[in-house]
């Protein structure tokens, strides 16, 4: 996905860096939401 985005954009360096940052942010957010869900489930079990 990121490589295709670079080819389409033309400015490979800047856009690839932005795409990587966006991807990392999305992954971090998803991980945080999963961790929150696990913590909430553990609290409900008790």
PDB file of N, CA and C in Angstrom:
ATOM      1  N   UNK A   1       0.840  -1.204   0.000  1.00  0.00           N
ATOM      2  CA  UNK A   1       0.000   0.000   0.000  1.00  0.00           C
ATOM      3  C   UNK A   1       0.874   1.253   0.000  1.00  0.00           C
ATOM      4  N   UNK A   2       1.842   1.313   0.896  1.00  0.00           N
ATOM      5  CA  UNK A   2       2.670   2.513   0.995  1.00  0.00           C
ATOM      6  C   UNK A   2       3.457   2.723  -0.285  1.00  0.00           C
ATOM      7  N   UNK A   3       3.987   1.642  -0.880  1.00  0.00           N
ATOM      8  CA  UNK A   3       4.808   1.781  -2.085  1.00  0.00           C
ATOM      9  C   UNK A   3       3.947   2.307  -3.235  1.00  0.00           C
ATOM     10  N   UNK A   4       2.731   1.801  -3.381  1.00  0.00           N
ATOM     11  CA  UNK A   4       1.848   2.293  -4.443  1.00  0.00           C
ATOM     12  C   UNK A   4       1.554   3.771  -4.222  1.00  0.00           C
ATOM     13  N   UNK A   5       1.335   4.156  -2.987  1.00  0.00           N
ATOM     14  CA  UNK A   5       1.064   5.553  -2.667  1.00  0.00           C
ATOM     15  C   UNK A   5       2.245   6.423  -3.089  1.00  0.00           C
ATOM     16  N   UNK A   6       3.459   5.951  -2.860  1.00  0.00           N
ATOM     17  CA  UNK A   6       4.656   6.701  -3.272  1.00  0.00           C
ATOM     18  C   UNK A   6       4.677   6.882  -4.781  1.00  0.00           C
ATOM     19  N   UNK A   7       4.410   5.818  -5.524  1.00  0.00           N
ATOM     20  CA  UNK A   7       4.456   5.904  -6.987  1.00  0.00           C
ATOM     21  C   UNK A   7       3.418   6.893  -7.495  1.00  0.00           C
ATOM     22  N   UNK A   8       2.218   6.855  -6.931  1.00  0.00           N
ATOM     23  CA  UNK A   8       1.144   7.739  -7.402  1.00  0.00           C
ATOM     24  C   UNK A   8       1.478   9.194  -7.060  1.00  0.00           C
ATOM     25  N   UNK A   9       1.996   9.441  -5.876  1.00  0.00           N
ATOM     26  CA  UNK A   9       2.217  10.813  -5.413  1.00  0.00           C
ATOM     27  C   UNK A   9       3.320  11.492  -6.217  1.00  0.00           C
ATOM     28  N   UNK A  10       4.450  10.801  -6.439  1.00  0.00           N
ATOM     29  CA  UNK A  10       5.568  11.433  -7.139  1.00  0.00           C
ATOM     30  C   UNK A  10       6.604  11.918  -6.136  1.00  0.00           C
ATOM     31  N   UNK A  11       6.180  12.627  -5.102  1.00  0.00           N
ATOM     32  CA  UNK A  11       7.107  13.045  -4.045  1.00  0.00           C
ATOM     33  C   UNK A  11       7.234  11.885  -3.061  1.00  0.00           C
ATOM     34  N   UNK A  12       8.149  10.963  -3.353  1.00  0.00           N
ATOM     35  CA  UNK A  12       8.193   9.711  -2.604  1.00  0.00           C
ATOM     36  C   UNK A  12       8.626   9.956  -1.161  1.00  0.00           C
ATOM     37  N   UNK A  13       9.659  10.747  -0.943  1.00  0.00           N
ATOM     38  CA  UNK A  13      10.228  10.904   0.400  1.00  0.00           C
ATOM     39  C   UNK A  13       9.223  11.447   1.386  1.00  0.00           C
ATOM     40  N   UNK A  14       8.653  12.618   1.090  1.00  0.00           N
ATOM     41  CA  UNK A  14       7.738  13.263   2.041  1.00  0.00           C
ATOM     42  C   UNK A  14       6.497  12.407   2.264  1.00  0.00           C
ATOM     43  N   UNK A  15       5.883  11.977   1.157  1.00  0.00           N
ATOM     44  CA  UNK A  15       4.620  11.250   1.275  1.00  0.00           C
ATOM     45  C   UNK A  15       4.824   9.905   1.973  1.00  0.00           C
ATOM     46  N   UNK A  16       5.932   9.229   1.684  1.00  0.00           N
ATOM     47  CA  UNK A  16       6.170   7.939   2.326  1.00  0.00           C
ATOM     48  C   UNK A  16       6.327   8.140   3.828  1.00  0.00           C
ATOM     49  N   UNK A  17       7.028   9.205   4.233  1.00  0.00           N
ATOM     50  CA  UNK A  17       7.206   9.481   5.661  1.00  0.00           C
ATOM     51  C   UNK A  17       5.849   9.750   6.293  1.00  0.00           C
ATOM     52  N   UNK A  18       5.027  10.544   5.632  1.00  0.00           N
ATOM     53  CA  UNK A  18       3.692  10.823   6.179  1.00  0.00           C
ATOM     54  C   UNK A  18       2.883   9.539   6.297  1.00  0.00           C
ATOM     55  N   UNK A  19       2.922   8.714   5.257  1.00  0.00           N
ATOM     56  CA  UNK A  19       2.155   7.464   5.270  1.00  0.00           C
ATOM     57  C   UNK A  19       2.629   6.576   6.424  1.00  0.00           C
ATOM     58  N   UNK A  20       3.949   6.483   6.619  1.00  0.00           N
ATOM     59  CA  UNK A  20       4.471   5.655   7.711  1.00  0.00           C
ATOM     60  C   UNK A  20       3.979   6.197   9.054  1.00  0.00           C
ATOM     61  N   UNK A  21       4.018   7.530   9.234  1.00  0.00           N
ATOM     62  CA  UNK A  21       3.568   8.111  10.497  1.00  0.00           C
ATOM     63  C   UNK A  21       2.098   7.812  10.722  1.00  0.00           C
ATOM     64  N   UNK A  22       1.285   7.967   9.672  1.00  0.00           N
ATOM     65  CA  UNK A  22      -0.147   7.700   9.815  1.00  0.00           C
ATOM     66  C   UNK A  22      -0.368   6.227  10.175  1.00  0.00           C
ATOM     67  N   UNK A  23       0.360   5.341   9.508  1.00  0.00           N
ATOM     68  CA  UNK A  23       0.191   3.904   9.773  1.00  0.00           C
ATOM     69  C   UNK A  23       0.561   3.585  11.216  1.00  0.00           C
ATOM     70  N   UNK A  24       1.683   4.140  11.686  1.00  0.00           N
ATOM     71  CA  UNK A  24       2.112   3.867  13.059  1.00  0.00           C
ATOM     72  C   UNK A  24       1.076   4.398  14.043  1.00  0.00           C
ATOM     73  N   UNK A  25       0.548   5.593  13.788  1.00  0.00           N
ATOM     74  CA  UNK A  25      -0.456   6.166  14.692  1.00  0.00           C
ATOM     75  C   UNK A  25      -1.684   5.262  14.741  1.00  0.00           C
ATOM     76  N   UNK A  26      -2.137   4.783  13.571  1.00  0.00           N
ATOM     77  CA  UNK A  26      -3.320   3.922  13.535  1.00  0.00           C
ATOM     78  C   UNK A  26      -3.058   2.628  14.303  1.00  0.00           C
ATOM     79  N   UNK A  27      -1.874   2.034  14.103  1.00  0.00           N
ATOM     80  CA  UNK A  27      -1.573   0.780  14.795  1.00  0.00           C
ATOM     81  C   UNK A  27      -1.523   1.008  16.301  1.00  0.00           C
ATOM     82  N   UNK A  28      -0.894   2.125  16.735  1.00  0.00           N
ATOM     83  CA  UNK A  28      -0.790   2.413  18.169  1.00  0.00           C
ATOM     84  C   UNK A  28      -2.187   2.597  18.750  1.00  0.00           C
ATOM     85  N   UNK A  29      -3.050   3.329  18.039  1.00  0.00           N
ATOM     86  CA  UNK A  29      -4.409   3.553  18.539  1.00  0.00           C
ATOM     87  C   UNK A  29      -5.157   2.233  18.648  1.00  0.00           C
ATOM     88  N   UNK A  30      -5.031   1.380  17.642  1.00  0.00           N
ATOM     89  CA  UNK A  30      -5.737   0.092  17.673  1.00  0.00           C
ATOM     90  C   UNK A  30      -5.239  -0.748  18.843  1.00  0.00           C
ATOM     91  N   UNK A  31      -3.922  -0.745  19.077  1.00  0.00           N
ATOM     92  CA  UNK A  31      -3.360  -1.515  20.195  1.00  0.00           C
ATOM     93  C   UNK A  31      -3.900  -0.977  21.511  1.00  0.00           C
ATOM     94  N   UNK A  32      -3.958   0.373  21.641  1.00  0.00           N
ATOM     95  CA  UNK A  32      -4.468   0.955  22.882  1.00  0.00           C
ATOM     96  C   UNK A  32      -5.926   0.549  23.100  1.00  0.00           C
ATOM     97  N   UNK A  33      -6.730   0.583  22.048  1.00  0.00           N
ATOM     98  CA  UNK A  33      -8.138   0.219  22.202  1.00  0.00           C
ATOM     99  C   UNK A  33      -8.263  -1.245  22.619  1.00  0.00           C
ATOM    100  N   UNK A  34      -7.420  -2.119  22.046  1.00  0.00           N
ATOM    101  CA  UNK A  34      -7.465  -3.545  22.409  1.00  0.00           C
ATOM    102  C   UNK A  34      -7.085  -3.710  23.879  1.00  0.00           C
ATOM    103  N   UNK A  35      -6.038  -2.998  24.318  1.00  0.00           N
ATOM    104  CA  UNK A  35      -5.602  -3.105  25.713  1.00  0.00           C
ATOM    105  C   UNK A  35      -6.716  -2.608  26.634  1.00  0.00           C
ATOM    106  N   UNK A  36      -7.371  -1.504  26.261  1.00  0.00           N
ATOM    107  CA  UNK A  36      -8.469  -0.984  27.081  1.00  0.00           C
ATOM    108  C   UNK A  36      -9.576  -2.027  27.195  1.00  0.00           C
ATOM    109  N   UNK A  37      -9.917  -2.663  26.065  1.00  0.00           N
ATOM    110  CA  UNK A  37     -10.969  -3.669  26.081  1.00  0.00           C
ATOM    111  C   UNK A  37     -10.617  -4.822  27.003  1.00  0.00           C
ATOM    112  N   UNK A  38      -9.361  -5.268  26.971  1.00  0.00           N
ATOM    113  CA  UNK A  38      -8.933  -6.376  27.832  1.00  0.00           C
ATOM    114  C   UNK A  38      -9.045  -5.960  29.299  1.00  0.00           C
ATOM    115  N   UNK A  39      -8.592  -4.737  29.614  1.00  0.00           N
ATOM    116  CA  UNK A  39      -8.657  -4.272  31.007  1.00  0.00           C
ATOM    117  C   UNK A  39     -10.100  -4.196  31.476  1.00  0.00           C
ATOM    118  N   UNK A  40     -10.989  -3.683  30.612  1.00  0.00           N
ATOM    119  CA  UNK A  40     -12.401  -3.563  30.987  1.00  0.00           C
ATOM    120  C   UNK A  40     -12.980  -4.963  31.228  1.00  0.00           C
ATOM    121  N   UNK A  41     -12.637  -5.919  30.366  1.00  0.00           N
ATOM    122  CA  UNK A  41     -13.158  -7.279  30.541  1.00  0.00           C
ATOM    123  C   UNK A  41     -12.679  -7.861  31.851  1.00  0.00           C
ATOM    124  N   UNK A  42     -11.402  -7.647  32.194  1.00  0.00           N
ATOM    125  CA  UNK A  42     -10.881  -8.180  33.451  1.00  0.00           C
ATOM    126  C   UNK A  42     -11.617  -7.566  34.637  1.00  0.00           C
ATOM    127  N   UNK A  43     -11.916  -6.265  34.565  1.00  0.00           N
ATOM    128  CA  UNK A  43     -12.640  -5.616  35.662  1.00  0.00           C
ATOM    129  C   UNK A  43     -14.038  -6.196  35.790  1.00  0.00           C
ATOM    130  N   UNK A  44     -14.715  -6.445  34.646  1.00  0.00           N
ATOM    131  CA  UNK A  44     -16.073  -6.987  34.686  1.00  0.00           C
ATOM    132  C   UNK A  44     -16.083  -8.391  35.286  1.00  0.00           C
ATOM    133  N   UNK A  45     -15.066  -9.212  34.999  1.00  0.00           N
ATOM    134  CA  UNK A  45     -15.015 -10.574  35.534  1.00  0.00           C
ATOM    135  C   UNK A  45     -14.979 -10.542  37.052  1.00  0.00           C
ATOM    136  N   UNK A  46     -14.188  -9.637  37.616  1.00  0.00           N
ATOM    137  CA  UNK A  46     -14.119  -9.531  39.066  1.00  0.00           C
ATOM    138  C   UNK A  46     -15.434  -8.984  39.611  1.00  0.00           C
TER     139      UNK A  46
END
